[in-house]
Amino acid sequence: MTKARLFRLWLVLGSVFMILLIIVYWDSAGAAHFYLHTSFSRPHTGPPLPTPGPDRDRELTADSDVDEFLDKFLSAGVKQSDFPRKETEQPPAPGSMEESVRGYDWSPRDARRSPDQGRQQAERRSVLRGFCANSSLAFPTKERAFDDIPNSELSHLIVDDRHGAIYCYVPKVACTNWKRVMIVLSGSLLHRGAPYRDPLRIPREHVHNASAHLTFNKFWRRYGKLSRHLMKVKLKKYTKFLFVRDPFVRLISAFRSKFELENEEFYRKFAVPMLRLYANHTSLPASAREAFRAGLKVSFANFIQYLLDPHTEKLAPFNEHWRQVYRLCHPCQIDYDFVGKLETLDEDAAQLLQLLQVDRQLRFPPSYRNRTASSWEEDWFAKIPLAWRQQLYKLYEADFVLFGYPKPENLLRD
């Protein structure tokens, strides 16, 4: 009996040692040839699935045991409160003023897939990779390596280990609904004891709660010194995607949702300084509600002044709602597999869900139509001085070029 126990103990210790060895020396041990079937395989690559049978069933069971053991081992010491699962009973209430201004359209629409979508994706990725390698386009952080990106700048990379997906969310680009999709895929939130199945039943306040998502910047707390190594493994194996939008239209949308609505947080943190610096208001109400009643609102021109003011970035980085995409998602350090655009959201969403092999499991929520239309740019920028428009383009030029948006010549000349 004692010998049997010693043998089992030796076997467990040996297994732990081998797993540690694999993790630490993953790349040199040949990560490209070692797959954990639930965590490190990419849905759109690899050989066809073998025909089911008794041997295959035993193989899957063994793989599942390895996955489960490794997941428990890597998660050891992580408190449940680090990634809490919240419950809610109330579905969102579409049609509110906030949702309307934000641009949501909750009517169902059937996405029609174009036969050229595969070629379109290839072109988008080619443009992105080409300009990342082209020395003619220069912008801050372009040349740095992934290891040089501070942990604080990895908070927009959401990981779904169940389906092998990494989503970099960009505020004002349908990110609320994509976050909902990621919650459903990962099963990270519970409703009455069970994971959500319908993205639209997840309330907005839970969608944007940081605890609802496993992001790269949380890896250090979970994996310690192995965190960067595991990030690189997942970046190699997982399907990485992001959605982008015309940079100037995104700015207009951010202004509308954050400064045309009574948003107390943005009023105190951003509107008050803007009104003092650029509108010469010395005495301002304490709340957004009082300010709105008094007719004190930030103008679009004030907002542009704020973005162009060199002191703004010295005090703190741009807020995520108007921070450049290249600073949020690091497209020259991360080789994205899929580049979606808000302008073609319905088609791109359907294509991506099929790529992830989850198109039968769920559909992207009803369309987020682009109410802040590109045709509005001339009206919004009509009272903005030409010199400001030209400076603003230089500030966001990398996003225009990397993601294939045409230079707005009509706004940049008299």
Protein backbone atom coordinates (compact mmCIF):
# COMPACT_ATOMS: atom_id res chain seq x y z
CA MET A 1 0.00 0.00 0.00
CA THR A 2 2.84 2.39 0.89
CA LYS A 3 4.66 1.62 -2.36
CA ALA A 4 1.52 2.35 -4.37
CA ARG A 5 1.13 5.73 -2.64
CA LEU A 6 4.79 6.58 -3.22
CA PHE A 7 4.42 5.64 -6.89
CA ARG A 8 1.36 7.87 -7.29
CA LEU A 9 3.12 10.76 -5.50
CA TRP A 10 6.17 10.35 -7.76
CA LEU A 11 3.91 10.32 -10.81
CA VAL A 12 2.15 13.55 -9.78
CA LEU A 13 5.40 15.35 -8.99
CA GLY A 14 6.88 14.20 -12.29
CA SER A 15 3.82 15.47 -14.16
CA VAL A 16 4.02 18.86 -12.46
CA PHE A 17 7.70 19.14 -13.31
CA MET A 18 7.08 18.30 -16.96
CA ILE A 19 4.25 20.83 -17.22
CA LEU A 20 6.47 23.54 -15.74
CA LEU A 21 9.21 22.59 -18.15
CA ILE A 22 6.82 22.83 -21.11
CA ILE A 23 5.53 26.24 -20.02
CA VAL A 24 8.93 27.79 -19.33
CA TYR A 25 10.52 26.47 -22.50
CA TRP A 26 7.40 26.58 -24.67
CA ASP A 27 8.94 28.26 -27.70
CA SER A 28 12.13 26.24 -27.75
CA ALA A 29 10.19 23.03 -27.16
CA GLY A 30 8.23 23.64 -30.32
CA ALA A 31 5.05 25.54 -29.55
CA ALA A 32 3.97 25.29 -33.15
CA HIS A 33 3.59 21.51 -32.75
CA PHE A 34 2.15 21.31 -29.25
CA TYR A 35 -1.59 21.99 -28.96
CA LEU A 36 -3.98 21.91 -26.07
CA HIS A 37 -7.17 21.26 -27.93
CA THR A 38 -9.33 23.75 -26.07
CA SER A 39 -6.87 26.50 -25.39
CA PHE A 40 -4.13 26.75 -27.95
CA SER A 41 -5.65 25.63 -31.22
CA ARG A 42 -7.01 28.23 -33.61
CA PRO A 43 -10.48 27.56 -34.96
CA HIS A 44 -9.69 28.33 -38.59
CA THR A 45 -6.47 26.37 -38.99
CA GLY A 46 -5.27 22.81 -38.62
CA PRO A 47 -6.15 19.47 -40.21
CA PRO A 48 -9.73 18.17 -40.60
CA LEU A 49 -11.30 16.59 -37.55
CA PRO A 50 -10.82 12.80 -37.47
CA THR A 51 -13.74 10.41 -37.68
CA PRO A 52 -15.20 9.76 -34.22
CA GLY A 53 -14.63 6.34 -32.72
CA PRO A 54 -13.63 4.55 -29.51
CA ASP A 55 -9.94 5.45 -29.87
CA ARG A 56 -10.81 9.06 -30.61
CA ASP A 57 -13.07 9.21 -27.54
CA ARG A 58 -10.24 7.95 -25.32
CA GLU A 59 -7.89 10.52 -26.87
CA LEU A 60 -10.31 13.39 -26.21
CA THR A 61 -10.79 12.23 -22.62
CA ALA A 62 -7.04 12.18 -22.04
CA ASP A 63 -6.65 15.63 -23.62
CA SER A 64 -9.47 16.97 -21.48
CA ASP A 65 -7.76 15.69 -18.34
CA VAL A 66 -4.51 17.41 -19.34
CA ASP A 67 -6.34 20.68 -20.11
CA GLU A 68 -8.23 20.59 -16.84
CA PHE A 69 -5.10 19.86 -14.81
CA LEU A 70 -3.08 22.59 -16.54
CA ASP A 71 -5.86 25.14 -16.13
CA LYS A 72 -6.19 24.37 -12.42
CA PHE A 73 -2.42 24.44 -12.01
CA LEU A 74 -2.01 27.81 -13.74
CA SER A 75 -4.98 29.26 -11.88
CA ALA A 76 -3.74 28.15 -8.45
CA GLY A 77 -3.69 30.99 -5.98
CA VAL A 78 -6.12 33.16 -7.97
CA LYS A 79 -8.91 34.39 -5.75
CA GLN A 80 -12.42 33.97 -7.06
CA SER A 81 -13.00 37.65 -6.38
CA ASP A 82 -10.37 38.54 -9.00
CA PHE A 83 -12.76 37.58 -11.77
CA PRO A 84 -16.21 37.60 -10.18
CA ARG A 85 -19.29 36.41 -11.97
CA LYS A 86 -22.26 38.68 -11.51
CA GLU A 87 -25.90 37.86 -11.70
CA THR A 88 -28.64 40.09 -12.99
CA GLU A 89 -32.33 39.75 -13.58
CA GLN A 90 -33.09 42.70 -15.79
CA PRO A 91 -32.45 42.77 -19.56
CA PRO A 92 -31.28 46.06 -21.12
CA ALA A 93 -33.85 48.64 -22.08
CA PRO A 94 -33.32 49.54 -25.75
CA GLY A 95 -34.73 52.78 -27.04
CA SER A 96 -33.52 55.01 -24.23
CA MET A 97 -32.14 58.45 -25.00
CA GLU A 98 -28.64 57.28 -24.19
CA GLU A 99 -28.78 54.32 -26.58
CA SER A 100 -30.28 56.57 -29.25
CA VAL A 101 -27.50 59.12 -29.06
CA ARG A 102 -24.89 56.41 -28.92
CA GLY A 103 -26.20 55.20 -32.27
CA TYR A 104 -27.88 51.88 -31.58
CA ASP A 105 -30.56 50.56 -33.90
CA TRP A 106 -32.19 47.50 -32.38
CA SER A 107 -34.14 46.41 -35.46
CA PRO A 108 -33.08 42.98 -36.78
CA ARG A 109 -31.20 42.85 -40.05
CA ASP A 110 -29.93 39.90 -42.03
CA ALA A 111 -26.28 40.25 -42.96
CA ARG A 112 -25.59 39.53 -46.61
CA ARG A 113 -22.18 38.08 -47.19
CA SER A 114 -20.25 39.18 -50.21
CA PRO A 115 -18.27 36.57 -52.16
CA ASP A 116 -15.33 38.98 -52.07
CA GLN A 117 -15.11 39.18 -48.27
CA GLY A 118 -12.12 36.86 -48.12
CA ARG A 119 -10.26 39.05 -50.57
CA GLN A 120 -11.37 42.16 -48.68
CA GLN A 121 -9.87 40.81 -45.46
CA ALA A 122 -6.65 39.93 -47.23
CA GLU A 123 -6.43 43.48 -48.59
CA ARG A 124 -7.08 45.08 -45.20
CA ARG A 125 -4.42 42.95 -43.52
CA SER A 126 -2.00 43.58 -46.38
CA VAL A 127 -2.42 47.35 -46.07
CA LEU A 128 -1.91 47.16 -42.31
CA ARG A 129 1.19 44.98 -42.50
CA GLY A 130 2.59 46.98 -45.40
CA PHE A 131 2.47 50.31 -43.60
CA CYS A 132 3.79 48.80 -40.37
CA ALA A 133 6.85 47.74 -42.37
CA ASN A 134 7.03 50.97 -44.39
CA SER A 135 9.43 53.57 -43.00
CA SER A 136 7.53 56.36 -44.78
CA LEU A 137 4.81 56.21 -42.10
CA ALA A 138 6.16 57.20 -38.71
CA PHE A 139 4.22 57.47 -35.48
CA PRO A 140 5.00 57.02 -31.77
CA THR A 141 5.46 53.44 -30.52
CA LYS A 142 5.59 52.01 -34.05
CA GLU A 143 9.06 50.48 -33.72
CA ARG A 144 8.85 49.09 -30.21
CA ALA A 145 8.63 45.36 -29.54
CA PHE A 146 5.67 43.65 -27.88
CA ASP A 147 7.75 43.11 -24.73
CA ASP A 148 8.20 46.88 -24.46
CA ILE A 149 4.48 47.60 -24.27
CA PRO A 150 3.62 48.51 -20.66
CA ASN A 151 1.19 46.21 -18.93
CA SER A 152 -1.21 49.11 -18.45
CA GLU A 153 -1.55 49.41 -22.24
CA LEU A 154 -2.76 45.82 -22.67
CA SER A 155 -6.12 46.30 -20.99
CA HIS A 156 -8.07 46.36 -24.27
CA LEU A 157 -7.09 42.83 -25.30
CA ILE A 158 -9.88 40.49 -24.16
CA VAL A 159 -9.10 36.76 -24.17
CA ASP A 160 -11.53 33.89 -24.69
CA ASP A 161 -9.67 30.64 -24.00
CA ARG A 162 -12.71 28.48 -24.76
CA HIS A 163 -12.78 29.44 -28.44
CA GLY A 164 -9.22 30.63 -28.94
CA ALA A 165 -10.05 34.30 -29.60
CA ILE A 166 -8.51 37.63 -28.67
CA TYR A 167 -10.53 40.80 -29.23
CA CYS A 168 -9.05 44.28 -28.99
CA TYR A 169 -11.95 46.58 -28.26
CA VAL A 170 -12.06 50.14 -29.58
CA PRO A 171 -14.61 52.42 -27.87
CA LYS A 172 -17.15 53.96 -30.27
CA VAL A 173 -16.81 51.01 -32.66
CA ALA A 174 -19.67 48.73 -31.55
CA CYS A 175 -17.49 47.56 -28.67
CA THR A 176 -20.44 47.18 -26.27
CA ASN A 177 -22.01 44.48 -28.41
CA TRP A 178 -18.68 42.79 -29.16
CA LYS A 179 -17.98 42.70 -25.43
CA ARG A 180 -21.39 41.10 -24.98
CA VAL A 181 -20.44 38.46 -27.55
CA MET A 182 -17.14 37.78 -25.75
CA ILE A 183 -18.99 37.33 -22.45
CA VAL A 184 -21.32 34.78 -24.03
CA LEU A 185 -18.41 32.92 -25.67
CA SER A 186 -16.25 32.82 -22.55
CA GLY A 187 -19.12 32.20 -20.12
CA SER A 188 -17.59 34.80 -17.79
CA LEU A 189 -20.90 36.09 -16.37
CA LEU A 190 -23.82 34.19 -14.88
CA HIS A 191 -27.52 34.94 -14.99
CA ARG A 192 -29.53 32.99 -12.42
CA GLY A 193 -26.75 30.46 -12.04
CA ALA A 194 -26.11 29.86 -15.75
CA PRO A 195 -23.92 31.62 -18.34
CA TYR A 196 -25.62 34.11 -20.62
CA ARG A 197 -26.62 32.77 -24.03
CA ASP A 198 -28.17 35.91 -25.51
CA PRO A 199 -25.75 38.87 -25.82
CA LEU A 200 -28.54 41.43 -25.64
CA ARG A 201 -29.68 40.23 -22.21
CA ILE A 202 -26.40 41.40 -20.69
CA PRO A 203 -26.92 44.90 -19.21
CA ARG A 204 -24.56 47.66 -20.32
CA GLU A 205 -23.25 48.32 -16.80
CA HIS A 206 -22.05 44.71 -16.54
CA VAL A 207 -20.64 44.68 -20.06
CA HIS A 208 -18.18 47.47 -19.27
CA ASN A 209 -17.26 46.18 -15.82
CA ALA A 210 -13.58 45.25 -16.04
CA SER A 211 -14.16 42.16 -13.87
CA ALA A 212 -16.33 40.65 -16.62
CA HIS A 213 -13.38 40.09 -18.95
CA LEU A 214 -10.00 38.37 -18.82
CA THR A 215 -7.60 40.86 -20.39
CA PHE A 216 -3.87 40.71 -21.02
CA ASN A 217 -3.10 43.25 -18.31
CA LYS A 218 -4.51 40.77 -15.73
CA PHE A 219 -2.10 38.03 -16.73
CA TRP A 220 0.58 39.22 -14.33
CA ARG A 221 -1.70 38.69 -11.35
CA ARG A 222 -2.62 35.23 -12.59
CA TYR A 223 0.63 33.89 -14.11
CA GLY A 224 3.40 36.07 -12.69
CA LYS A 225 6.68 35.92 -14.57
CA LEU A 226 5.18 33.56 -17.14
CA SER A 227 2.58 36.13 -18.20
CA ARG A 228 4.40 37.62 -21.21
CA HIS A 229 5.41 34.19 -22.41
CA LEU A 230 1.82 32.94 -22.29
CA MET A 231 0.61 36.10 -24.03
CA LYS A 232 2.94 35.36 -26.93
CA VAL A 233 1.76 31.76 -27.11
CA LYS A 234 -1.86 32.87 -27.26
CA LEU A 235 -1.05 35.55 -29.83
CA LYS A 236 0.48 32.86 -32.04
CA LYS A 237 -2.35 30.37 -31.67
CA TYR A 238 -5.53 32.38 -31.20
CA THR A 239 -7.67 34.29 -33.69
CA LYS A 240 -7.01 37.98 -33.09
CA PHE A 241 -9.50 40.59 -34.25
CA LEU A 242 -10.49 44.23 -33.90
CA PHE A 243 -13.05 46.60 -35.39
CA VAL A 244 -12.19 50.10 -36.54
CA ARG A 245 -13.97 53.19 -37.85
CA ASP A 246 -13.23 56.38 -39.77
CA PRO A 247 -11.11 58.28 -37.19
CA PHE A 248 -12.85 61.66 -37.56
CA VAL A 249 -16.32 60.09 -37.44
CA ARG A 250 -15.28 58.21 -34.31
CA LEU A 251 -14.28 61.54 -32.71
CA ILE A 252 -17.66 63.05 -33.56
CA SER A 253 -19.39 60.01 -32.08
CA ALA A 254 -17.29 60.24 -28.90
CA PHE A 255 -18.12 63.93 -28.52
CA ARG A 256 -21.84 63.32 -28.99
CA SER A 257 -22.08 60.49 -26.44
CA LYS A 258 -19.82 62.03 -23.77
CA PHE A 259 -20.57 65.75 -23.97
CA GLU A 260 -24.07 66.05 -25.43
CA LEU A 261 -25.48 63.85 -22.65
CA GLU A 262 -25.49 64.55 -18.92
CA ASN A 263 -22.50 62.43 -18.01
CA GLU A 264 -21.32 63.36 -14.53
CA GLU A 265 -17.97 61.58 -14.77
CA PHE A 266 -17.01 63.17 -18.08
CA TYR A 267 -18.38 66.54 -16.99
CA ARG A 268 -16.17 66.71 -13.89
CA LYS A 269 -13.08 65.16 -15.43
CA PHE A 270 -13.11 66.69 -18.91
CA ALA A 271 -15.87 69.24 -19.52
CA VAL A 272 -15.02 71.48 -16.56
CA PRO A 273 -11.34 71.89 -17.55
CA MET A 274 -12.32 72.44 -21.21
CA LEU A 275 -14.86 75.12 -20.32
CA ARG A 276 -12.33 76.88 -18.12
CA LEU A 277 -9.43 76.71 -20.54
CA TYR A 278 -11.13 77.21 -23.89
CA ALA A 279 -14.47 78.91 -23.11
CA ASN A 280 -13.25 81.31 -20.39
CA HIS A 281 -15.73 80.16 -17.76
CA THR A 282 -14.36 80.69 -14.26
CA SER A 283 -17.36 79.71 -12.13
CA LEU A 284 -19.00 76.46 -13.16
CA PRO A 285 -21.80 74.35 -11.63
CA ALA A 286 -20.80 71.31 -9.63
CA SER A 287 -22.88 68.87 -11.67
CA ALA A 288 -23.57 68.15 -15.32
CA ARG A 289 -27.30 68.51 -14.73
CA GLU A 290 -26.91 72.05 -13.40
CA ALA A 291 -24.53 72.95 -16.21
CA PHE A 292 -26.90 71.67 -18.88
CA ARG A 293 -29.81 73.58 -17.35
CA ALA A 294 -27.68 76.74 -17.45
CA GLY A 295 -26.78 76.08 -21.08
CA LEU A 296 -23.12 75.46 -20.29
CA LYS A 297 -21.88 72.77 -22.64
CA VAL A 298 -18.56 71.95 -24.23
CA SER A 299 -18.58 72.85 -27.92
CA PHE A 300 -17.05 70.66 -30.60
CA ALA A 301 -14.43 73.39 -31.12
CA ASN A 302 -13.54 73.21 -27.39
CA PHE A 303 -13.13 69.46 -27.75
CA ILE A 304 -10.78 69.83 -30.73
CA GLN A 305 -8.75 72.46 -28.84
CA TYR A 306 -8.41 70.01 -25.98
CA LEU A 307 -7.15 67.24 -28.29
CA LEU A 308 -4.60 69.55 -29.93
CA ASP A 309 -3.37 71.13 -26.72
CA PRO A 310 0.13 69.69 -25.98
CA HIS A 311 -0.56 70.01 -22.25
CA THR A 312 -3.37 67.46 -22.49
CA GLU A 313 -1.09 64.45 -23.03
CA LYS A 314 1.40 65.75 -20.50
CA LEU A 315 -1.22 65.52 -17.78
CA ALA A 316 -2.59 62.09 -18.76
CA PRO A 317 -2.94 59.85 -21.84
CA PHE A 318 -5.98 60.39 -24.05
CA ASN A 319 -9.15 58.85 -22.73
CA GLU A 320 -9.90 55.54 -24.45
CA HIS A 321 -12.90 57.02 -26.30
CA TRP A 322 -10.66 59.28 -28.37
CA ARG A 323 -7.31 57.55 -28.02
CA GLN A 324 -5.87 56.45 -31.36
CA VAL A 325 -6.48 52.82 -32.34
CA TYR A 326 -2.76 52.19 -32.82
CA ARG A 327 -2.27 53.06 -29.14
CA LEU A 328 -5.14 50.86 -27.96
CA CYS A 329 -4.51 47.74 -30.05
CA HIS A 330 -0.83 47.86 -31.12
CA PRO A 331 -1.42 46.71 -34.73
CA CYS A 332 2.29 46.82 -35.63
CA GLN A 333 3.19 44.54 -32.71
CA ILE A 334 0.21 42.16 -33.01
CA ASP A 335 -0.52 40.37 -36.29
CA TYR A 336 -4.32 40.59 -36.41
CA ASP A 337 -6.13 37.84 -38.29
CA PHE A 338 -9.29 39.84 -38.86
CA VAL A 339 -9.82 43.59 -39.32
CA GLY A 340 -13.50 44.52 -39.19
CA LYS A 341 -14.97 47.94 -39.91
CA LEU A 342 -18.06 49.62 -38.52
CA GLU A 343 -18.95 50.71 -42.04
CA THR A 344 -19.39 47.03 -43.01
CA LEU A 345 -20.32 45.72 -39.56
CA ASP A 346 -23.14 43.34 -40.49
CA GLU A 347 -21.14 41.50 -43.15
CA ASP A 348 -17.91 41.51 -41.15
CA ALA A 349 -19.58 40.26 -37.97
CA ALA A 350 -21.19 37.34 -39.80
CA GLN A 351 -17.87 36.44 -41.43
CA LEU A 352 -15.97 36.61 -38.14
CA LEU A 353 -18.44 34.45 -36.21
CA GLN A 354 -18.16 31.87 -38.95
CA LEU A 355 -14.37 32.07 -38.77
CA LEU A 356 -14.57 31.42 -35.02
CA GLN A 357 -16.98 28.53 -35.72
CA VAL A 358 -19.62 29.98 -33.40
CA ASP A 359 -22.09 31.22 -36.04
CA ARG A 360 -24.54 28.45 -35.10
CA GLN A 361 -24.19 29.26 -31.42
CA LEU A 362 -25.08 32.95 -31.59
CA ARG A 363 -25.66 35.92 -33.86
CA PHE A 364 -24.20 39.37 -33.54
CA PRO A 365 -26.76 41.64 -31.85
CA PRO A 366 -29.02 43.78 -34.06
CA SER A 367 -27.15 46.24 -36.17
CA TYR A 368 -25.28 49.22 -34.79
CA ARG A 369 -26.04 51.56 -37.67
CA ASN A 370 -23.66 54.40 -38.27
CA ARG A 371 -25.86 57.33 -37.29
CA THR A 372 -22.81 59.56 -37.04
CA ALA A 373 -22.41 59.35 -40.80
CA SER A 374 -19.28 60.22 -42.74
CA SER A 375 -21.30 62.77 -44.70
CA TRP A 376 -21.68 64.77 -41.47
CA GLU A 377 -17.97 65.51 -41.26
CA GLU A 378 -18.18 68.71 -43.30
CA ASP A 379 -20.99 70.09 -41.11
CA TRP A 380 -19.21 69.23 -37.86
CA PHE A 381 -15.88 70.67 -39.01
CA ALA A 382 -17.33 73.71 -40.81
CA LYS A 383 -16.53 76.05 -37.90
CA ILE A 384 -13.17 74.45 -37.07
CA PRO A 385 -10.23 76.50 -38.42
CA LEU A 386 -8.32 74.89 -41.28
CA ALA A 387 -5.06 74.86 -39.31
CA TRP A 388 -6.78 72.89 -36.51
CA ARG A 389 -8.19 70.38 -38.97
CA GLN A 390 -4.75 69.82 -40.46
CA GLN A 391 -3.20 69.34 -37.01
CA LEU A 392 -5.97 66.96 -36.04
CA TYR A 393 -5.36 64.86 -39.15
CA LYS A 394 -1.66 64.57 -38.27
CA LEU A 395 -2.69 63.44 -34.78
CA TYR A 396 -4.82 60.61 -36.21
CA GLU A 397 -2.99 60.05 -39.50
CA ALA A 398 -1.66 56.63 -38.50
CA ASP A 399 -5.21 55.34 -37.93
CA PHE A 400 -6.34 56.66 -41.32
CA VAL A 401 -3.42 55.07 -43.15
CA LEU A 402 -3.08 51.76 -41.30
CA PHE A 403 -6.74 50.89 -41.68
CA GLY A 404 -7.23 52.11 -45.22
CA TYR A 405 -9.39 55.18 -44.66
CA PRO A 406 -9.00 57.87 -47.34
CA LYS A 407 -7.45 61.18 -46.37
CA PRO A 408 -10.31 63.72 -45.94
CA GLU A 409 -8.93 66.16 -48.52
CA ASN A 410 -12.12 68.23 -48.49
CA LEU A 411 -11.49 69.08 -44.83
CA LEU A 412 -7.79 69.76 -45.20
CA ARG A 413 -7.86 72.48 -47.85
CA ASP A 414 -9.70 75.79 -48.32
